[in-house]
Amino acid sequence: MKVYTEYLTFNTRNEVEFINITKVVESIVEKSEIKEGLCLVSSMYITSSVFINDEEEGLKRDFRGWLDKIVPQKDYFHNLTGEDNARAHLQRTVMGREVTVAITKGKLDFGSWEQIFYGEFDGRRPKRVLV
């Protein structure tokens, strides 16, 4: 079995951001020379996410509004520990930690419109993603 690993690092300007990382993951798969298999893309930090969806700005705004409704800013028990990022932990849980995409003939095998995104919920510091 052939295995190849790279790490990406993100340090966002904003507290919450959604970044399309499809092209960089595709280039890593190409560099790996793996022709058939699976590609795992996983957030290595508890307040960020990796997910698959459509690349559309309105949808990104919808994600932000939807997350703010189901996980509003408020006093969470976690914040009593001296932290202020409970909301980010909860939003990450909703959006998920990782995705797995099939590799077929050396390419990511997506359905229509599928793209890979890094979701940041407590930004402005370096965080890693495993590919």
N, C-alpha and C. Protein backbone atom coordinates (compact mmCIF):
# COMPACT_ATOMS: atom_id res chain seq x y z
N MET A 1 0.84 -1.18 0.00
CA MET A 1 0.00 0.00 0.00
C MET A 1 0.89 1.24 0.00
N LYS A 2 0.61 2.16 -0.90
CA LYS A 2 1.36 3.40 -1.00
C LYS A 2 0.67 4.47 -0.16
N VAL A 3 1.46 5.23 0.59
CA VAL A 3 0.93 6.29 1.46
C VAL A 3 1.74 7.55 1.23
N TYR A 4 1.06 8.68 1.25
CA TYR A 4 1.73 9.98 1.09
C TYR A 4 1.02 10.97 2.01
N THR A 5 1.78 11.78 2.74
CA THR A 5 1.19 12.73 3.69
C THR A 5 1.81 14.11 3.53
N GLU A 6 0.96 15.12 3.57
CA GLU A 6 1.41 16.51 3.67
C GLU A 6 0.51 17.22 4.67
N TYR A 7 1.03 18.32 5.21
CA TYR A 7 0.26 19.16 6.14
C TYR A 7 0.11 20.54 5.54
N LEU A 8 -1.06 21.09 5.67
CA LEU A 8 -1.33 22.48 5.29
C LEU A 8 -1.45 23.29 6.57
N THR A 9 -1.04 24.55 6.54
CA THR A 9 -1.20 25.43 7.70
C THR A 9 -2.01 26.64 7.29
N PHE A 10 -2.97 26.99 8.13
CA PHE A 10 -3.82 28.16 7.90
C PHE A 10 -3.71 29.09 9.10
N ASN A 11 -3.64 30.37 8.81
CA ASN A 11 -3.66 31.41 9.84
C ASN A 11 -4.57 32.51 9.29
N THR A 12 -5.86 32.40 9.56
CA THR A 12 -6.84 33.29 8.94
C THR A 12 -6.81 34.69 9.55
N ARG A 13 -7.22 35.65 8.75
CA ARG A 13 -7.33 37.03 9.23
C ARG A 13 -8.58 37.23 10.08
N ASN A 14 -9.60 36.43 9.79
CA ASN A 14 -10.88 36.57 10.49
C ASN A 14 -11.10 35.41 11.45
N GLU A 15 -11.96 35.64 12.41
CA GLU A 15 -12.29 34.59 13.37
C GLU A 15 -12.98 33.41 12.68
N VAL A 16 -13.90 33.71 11.74
CA VAL A 16 -14.63 32.68 11.00
C VAL A 16 -14.37 32.87 9.51
N GLU A 17 -13.93 31.80 8.86
CA GLU A 17 -13.71 31.83 7.41
C GLU A 17 -13.95 30.45 6.82
N PHE A 18 -14.35 30.43 5.56
CA PHE A 18 -14.47 29.19 4.79
C PHE A 18 -13.55 29.32 3.58
N ILE A 19 -12.56 28.44 3.48
CA ILE A 19 -11.54 28.52 2.45
C ILE A 19 -11.61 27.27 1.57
N ASN A 20 -11.74 27.48 0.27
CA ASN A 20 -11.75 26.37 -0.67
C ASN A 20 -10.32 25.86 -0.83
N ILE A 21 -10.09 24.61 -0.45
CA ILE A 21 -8.75 24.02 -0.52
C ILE A 21 -8.66 22.91 -1.57
N THR A 22 -9.64 22.85 -2.44
CA THR A 22 -9.69 21.77 -3.43
C THR A 22 -8.44 21.72 -4.30
N LYS A 23 -8.03 22.84 -4.85
CA LYS A 23 -6.88 22.85 -5.78
C LYS A 23 -5.61 22.37 -5.10
N VAL A 24 -5.38 22.81 -3.87
CA VAL A 24 -4.15 22.39 -3.18
C VAL A 24 -4.21 20.90 -2.85
N VAL A 25 -5.38 20.37 -2.48
CA VAL A 25 -5.51 18.93 -2.23
C VAL A 25 -5.31 18.16 -3.53
N GLU A 26 -5.87 18.65 -4.63
CA GLU A 26 -5.66 18.00 -5.92
C GLU A 26 -4.17 17.95 -6.28
N SER A 27 -3.44 19.02 -5.99
CA SER A 27 -2.00 19.02 -6.32
C SER A 27 -1.24 18.04 -5.43
N ILE A 28 -1.67 17.88 -4.19
CA ILE A 28 -1.03 16.90 -3.30
C ILE A 28 -1.30 15.48 -3.81
N VAL A 29 -2.52 15.20 -4.23
CA VAL A 29 -2.85 13.88 -4.79
C VAL A 29 -2.01 13.62 -6.03
N GLU A 30 -1.87 14.61 -6.89
CA GLU A 30 -1.04 14.44 -8.09
C GLU A 30 0.40 14.14 -7.71
N LYS A 31 0.93 14.89 -6.76
CA LYS A 31 2.31 14.70 -6.31
C LYS A 31 2.51 13.31 -5.70
N SER A 32 1.48 12.78 -5.06
CA SER A 32 1.58 11.47 -4.41
C SER A 32 1.75 10.33 -5.40
N GLU A 33 1.31 10.54 -6.64
CA GLU A 33 1.31 9.53 -7.69
C GLU A 33 0.45 8.32 -7.36
N ILE A 34 -0.47 8.48 -6.41
CA ILE A 34 -1.43 7.42 -6.08
C ILE A 34 -2.52 7.45 -7.15
N LYS A 35 -2.79 6.30 -7.76
CA LYS A 35 -3.75 6.23 -8.86
C LYS A 35 -5.14 5.77 -8.41
N GLU A 36 -5.19 4.88 -7.41
CA GLU A 36 -6.47 4.37 -6.90
C GLU A 36 -6.34 4.31 -5.38
N GLY A 37 -7.32 4.86 -4.69
CA GLY A 37 -7.27 4.81 -3.23
C GLY A 37 -8.19 5.83 -2.60
N LEU A 38 -7.78 6.30 -1.43
CA LEU A 38 -8.57 7.27 -0.68
C LEU A 38 -7.69 8.42 -0.25
N CYS A 39 -8.27 9.60 -0.20
CA CYS A 39 -7.59 10.79 0.29
C CYS A 39 -8.35 11.29 1.51
N LEU A 40 -7.67 11.29 2.65
CA LEU A 40 -8.22 11.82 3.90
C LEU A 40 -7.74 13.25 4.06
N VAL A 41 -8.67 14.15 4.32
CA VAL A 41 -8.34 15.55 4.60
C VAL A 41 -8.96 15.85 5.96
N SER A 42 -8.11 16.14 6.95
CA SER A 42 -8.57 16.21 8.33
C SER A 42 -8.03 17.43 9.06
N SER A 43 -8.91 18.13 9.74
CA SER A 43 -8.50 19.24 10.58
C SER A 43 -7.75 18.70 11.79
N MET A 44 -6.65 19.32 12.13
CA MET A 44 -5.85 18.89 13.27
C MET A 44 -6.07 19.79 14.49
N TYR A 45 -7.15 20.55 14.46
CA TYR A 45 -7.42 21.49 15.54
C TYR A 45 -8.90 21.44 15.87
N ILE A 46 -9.26 21.53 17.13
CA ILE A 46 -10.61 21.27 17.61
C ILE A 46 -11.61 22.40 17.33
N THR A 47 -11.14 23.52 16.79
CA THR A 47 -12.06 24.62 16.46
C THR A 47 -12.03 24.95 14.97
N SER A 48 -11.64 23.97 14.17
CA SER A 48 -11.71 24.13 12.72
C SER A 48 -12.24 22.84 12.11
N SER A 49 -12.61 22.93 10.85
CA SER A 49 -13.35 21.84 10.21
C SER A 49 -12.88 21.64 8.78
N VAL A 50 -13.13 20.46 8.25
CA VAL A 50 -12.99 20.20 6.83
C VAL A 50 -14.30 19.58 6.37
N PHE A 51 -14.86 20.10 5.29
CA PHE A 51 -16.15 19.60 4.81
C PHE A 51 -16.21 19.74 3.30
N ILE A 52 -17.20 19.07 2.69
CA ILE A 52 -17.40 19.13 1.25
C ILE A 52 -18.73 19.80 0.96
N ASN A 53 -18.71 20.75 0.03
CA ASN A 53 -19.93 21.37 -0.43
C ASN A 53 -19.65 22.12 -1.73
N ASP A 54 -20.56 22.98 -2.12
CA ASP A 54 -20.48 23.74 -3.36
C ASP A 54 -19.73 25.05 -3.13
N GLU A 55 -18.95 25.48 -4.11
CA GLU A 55 -18.26 26.77 -4.06
C GLU A 55 -19.21 27.86 -4.53
N GLU A 56 -19.82 28.53 -3.58
CA GLU A 56 -20.78 29.59 -3.91
C GLU A 56 -20.84 30.54 -2.72
N GLU A 57 -20.59 31.82 -2.97
CA GLU A 57 -20.49 32.80 -1.88
C GLU A 57 -21.76 32.90 -1.04
N GLY A 58 -22.92 32.85 -1.69
CA GLY A 58 -24.17 32.91 -0.95
C GLY A 58 -24.31 31.73 0.01
N LEU A 59 -23.86 30.57 -0.42
CA LEU A 59 -23.92 29.39 0.42
C LEU A 59 -23.00 29.54 1.64
N LYS A 60 -21.81 30.12 1.43
CA LYS A 60 -20.91 30.36 2.55
C LYS A 60 -21.55 31.30 3.57
N ARG A 61 -22.22 32.32 3.09
CA ARG A 61 -22.94 33.23 4.01
C ARG A 61 -24.07 32.50 4.71
N ASP A 62 -24.74 31.60 3.99
CA ASP A 62 -25.81 30.80 4.60
C ASP A 62 -25.27 29.90 5.70
N PHE A 63 -24.10 29.28 5.46
CA PHE A 63 -23.48 28.46 6.51
C PHE A 63 -23.24 29.29 7.77
N ARG A 64 -22.67 30.46 7.57
CA ARG A 64 -22.38 31.33 8.72
C ARG A 64 -23.65 31.68 9.48
N GLY A 65 -24.70 32.09 8.79
CA GLY A 65 -25.96 32.44 9.44
C GLY A 65 -26.61 31.25 10.12
N TRP A 66 -26.58 30.10 9.46
CA TRP A 66 -27.16 28.87 10.02
C TRP A 66 -26.41 28.45 11.28
N LEU A 67 -25.08 28.47 11.23
CA LEU A 67 -24.29 28.12 12.41
C LEU A 67 -24.54 29.08 13.57
N ASP A 68 -24.67 30.37 13.26
CA ASP A 68 -24.94 31.35 14.31
C ASP A 68 -26.31 31.13 14.95
N LYS A 69 -27.25 30.60 14.18
CA LYS A 69 -28.59 30.32 14.74
C LYS A 69 -28.58 29.08 15.63
N ILE A 70 -27.91 28.02 15.18
CA ILE A 70 -27.94 26.80 15.98
C ILE A 70 -26.91 26.79 17.11
N VAL A 71 -25.85 27.61 16.96
CA VAL A 71 -24.85 27.75 18.02
C VAL A 71 -24.61 29.25 18.23
N PRO A 72 -25.52 29.92 18.91
CA PRO A 72 -25.38 31.37 19.09
C PRO A 72 -24.27 31.73 20.08
N GLN A 73 -23.82 32.97 20.00
CA GLN A 73 -22.85 33.47 20.97
C GLN A 73 -23.57 33.64 22.30
N LYS A 74 -23.07 32.99 23.34
CA LYS A 74 -23.65 33.13 24.67
C LYS A 74 -22.64 32.61 25.68
N ASP A 75 -23.02 32.63 26.94
CA ASP A 75 -22.14 32.12 27.99
C ASP A 75 -22.26 30.61 28.08
N TYR A 76 -21.25 29.92 27.59
CA TYR A 76 -21.20 28.46 27.67
C TYR A 76 -20.34 28.07 28.86
N PHE A 77 -20.55 26.88 29.38
CA PHE A 77 -19.77 26.42 30.53
C PHE A 77 -18.27 26.40 30.22
N HIS A 78 -17.90 26.02 29.00
CA HIS A 78 -16.49 25.98 28.62
C HIS A 78 -15.83 27.35 28.81
N ASN A 79 -16.59 28.40 28.56
CA ASN A 79 -16.02 29.75 28.69
C ASN A 79 -15.72 30.11 30.14
N LEU A 80 -16.28 29.39 31.10
CA LEU A 80 -15.99 29.64 32.52
C LEU A 80 -14.59 29.18 32.90
N THR A 81 -13.93 28.41 32.02
CA THR A 81 -12.57 27.92 32.30
C THR A 81 -11.51 28.96 31.95
N GLY A 82 -11.94 30.10 31.47
CA GLY A 82 -10.98 31.12 31.03
C GLY A 82 -10.88 31.21 29.52
N GLU A 83 -11.44 30.25 28.82
CA GLU A 83 -11.50 30.26 27.37
C GLU A 83 -12.70 31.10 26.93
N ASP A 84 -12.71 31.49 25.67
CA ASP A 84 -13.87 32.23 25.14
C ASP A 84 -14.33 31.65 23.80
N ASN A 85 -13.97 30.37 23.55
CA ASN A 85 -14.21 29.81 22.23
C ASN A 85 -15.14 28.58 22.22
N ALA A 86 -16.01 28.46 23.20
CA ALA A 86 -16.93 27.31 23.22
C ALA A 86 -17.75 27.25 21.94
N ARG A 87 -18.20 28.40 21.49
CA ARG A 87 -18.99 28.45 20.26
C ARG A 87 -18.22 27.83 19.08
N ALA A 88 -16.93 28.13 18.98
CA ALA A 88 -16.11 27.57 17.90
C ALA A 88 -16.03 26.04 18.01
N HIS A 89 -15.89 25.52 19.22
CA HIS A 89 -15.86 24.07 19.41
C HIS A 89 -17.16 23.44 18.94
N LEU A 90 -18.28 24.04 19.31
CA LEU A 90 -19.59 23.50 18.95
C LEU A 90 -19.85 23.59 17.46
N GLN A 91 -19.47 24.73 16.85
CA GLN A 91 -19.68 24.87 15.40
C GLN A 91 -18.83 23.86 14.63
N ARG A 92 -17.63 23.62 15.08
CA ARG A 92 -16.78 22.60 14.45
C ARG A 92 -17.44 21.23 14.52
N THR A 93 -18.05 20.93 15.66
CA THR A 93 -18.72 19.64 15.81
C THR A 93 -19.85 19.49 14.79
N VAL A 94 -20.57 20.57 14.54
CA VAL A 94 -21.65 20.54 13.56
C VAL A 94 -21.11 20.32 12.15
N MET A 95 -20.02 20.99 11.79
CA MET A 95 -19.50 20.93 10.42
C MET A 95 -18.61 19.71 10.16
N GLY A 96 -18.07 19.10 11.19
CA GLY A 96 -17.29 17.89 11.01
C GLY A 96 -15.79 18.11 10.99
N ARG A 97 -15.08 17.05 11.27
CA ARG A 97 -13.62 17.09 11.41
C ARG A 97 -12.89 16.84 10.10
N GLU A 98 -13.43 15.94 9.26
CA GLU A 98 -12.65 15.46 8.12
C GLU A 98 -13.55 14.98 7.00
N VAL A 99 -12.92 14.79 5.84
CA VAL A 99 -13.59 14.17 4.70
C VAL A 99 -12.65 13.13 4.10
N THR A 100 -13.25 12.15 3.44
CA THR A 100 -12.51 11.15 2.69
C THR A 100 -13.05 11.16 1.27
N VAL A 101 -12.16 11.29 0.30
CA VAL A 101 -12.54 11.35 -1.10
C VAL A 101 -11.83 10.22 -1.85
N ALA A 102 -12.55 9.54 -2.69
CA ALA A 102 -11.95 8.49 -3.51
C ALA A 102 -10.96 9.11 -4.50
N ILE A 103 -9.90 8.37 -4.77
CA ILE A 103 -8.96 8.71 -5.84
C ILE A 103 -9.16 7.67 -6.93
N THR A 104 -9.50 8.12 -8.12
CA THR A 104 -9.72 7.25 -9.27
C THR A 104 -8.89 7.78 -10.43
N LYS A 105 -8.07 6.92 -10.98
CA LYS A 105 -7.19 7.29 -12.09
C LYS A 105 -6.35 8.53 -11.74
N GLY A 106 -5.90 8.60 -10.49
CA GLY A 106 -5.00 9.66 -10.06
C GLY A 106 -5.65 11.00 -9.74
N LYS A 107 -6.98 11.04 -9.74
CA LYS A 107 -7.71 12.29 -9.50
C LYS A 107 -8.73 12.10 -8.39
N LEU A 108 -9.04 13.19 -7.67
CA LEU A 108 -10.13 13.15 -6.70
C LEU A 108 -11.42 12.87 -7.45
N ASP A 109 -12.20 11.94 -6.96
CA ASP A 109 -13.41 11.50 -7.65
C ASP A 109 -14.63 12.13 -6.97
N PHE A 110 -14.97 13.33 -7.42
CA PHE A 110 -16.06 14.11 -6.84
C PHE A 110 -17.37 13.92 -7.59
N GLY A 111 -18.48 14.18 -6.89
CA GLY A 111 -19.76 14.34 -7.53
C GLY A 111 -19.87 15.77 -8.08
N SER A 112 -20.95 16.05 -8.75
CA SER A 112 -21.16 17.39 -9.33
C SER A 112 -21.04 18.46 -8.26
N TRP A 113 -20.28 19.49 -8.55
CA TRP A 113 -20.13 20.71 -7.75
C TRP A 113 -19.37 20.52 -6.44
N GLU A 114 -18.94 19.30 -6.11
CA GLU A 114 -18.28 19.09 -4.83
C GLU A 114 -16.89 19.73 -4.79
N GLN A 115 -16.62 20.38 -3.68
CA GLN A 115 -15.34 21.03 -3.42
C GLN A 115 -15.00 20.78 -1.94
N ILE A 116 -13.72 20.84 -1.60
CA ILE A 116 -13.28 20.65 -0.21
C ILE A 116 -13.02 22.02 0.40
N PHE A 117 -13.52 22.21 1.61
CA PHE A 117 -13.37 23.48 2.32
C PHE A 117 -12.73 23.28 3.69
N TYR A 118 -11.92 24.27 4.06
CA TYR A 118 -11.43 24.40 5.42
C TYR A 118 -12.34 25.43 6.09
N GLY A 119 -12.94 25.05 7.20
CA GLY A 119 -13.79 25.96 7.95
C GLY A 119 -13.10 26.35 9.24
N GLU A 120 -12.94 27.64 9.42
CA GLU A 120 -12.28 28.17 10.62
C GLU A 120 -13.32 28.86 11.49
N PHE A 121 -13.32 28.53 12.78
CA PHE A 121 -14.31 29.10 13.70
C PHE A 121 -13.68 29.84 14.86
N ASP A 122 -12.36 29.83 14.96
CA ASP A 122 -11.64 30.54 16.04
C ASP A 122 -10.26 30.90 15.51
N GLY A 123 -10.24 31.74 14.49
CA GLY A 123 -9.03 31.99 13.72
C GLY A 123 -8.04 32.94 14.33
N ARG A 124 -7.16 33.37 13.46
CA ARG A 124 -6.09 34.32 13.75
C ARG A 124 -4.91 33.70 14.48
N ARG A 125 -4.71 32.40 14.25
CA ARG A 125 -3.51 31.72 14.73
C ARG A 125 -3.29 30.47 13.87
N PRO A 126 -2.06 29.99 13.79
CA PRO A 126 -1.77 28.85 12.92
C PRO A 126 -2.50 27.57 13.33
N LYS A 127 -3.08 26.90 12.33
CA LYS A 127 -3.72 25.61 12.52
C LYS A 127 -3.39 24.72 11.35
N ARG A 128 -3.32 23.39 11.61
CA ARG A 128 -2.89 22.45 10.59
C ARG A 128 -4.05 21.60 10.07
N VAL A 129 -3.88 21.18 8.81
CA VAL A 129 -4.77 20.22 8.17
C VAL A 129 -3.89 19.11 7.60
N LEU A 130 -4.28 17.88 7.89
CA LEU A 130 -3.58 16.70 7.37
C LEU A 130 -4.20 16.30 6.05
N VAL A 131 -3.36 16.05 5.05
CA VAL A 131 -3.82 15.51 3.76
C VAL A 131 -3.03 14.24 3.51
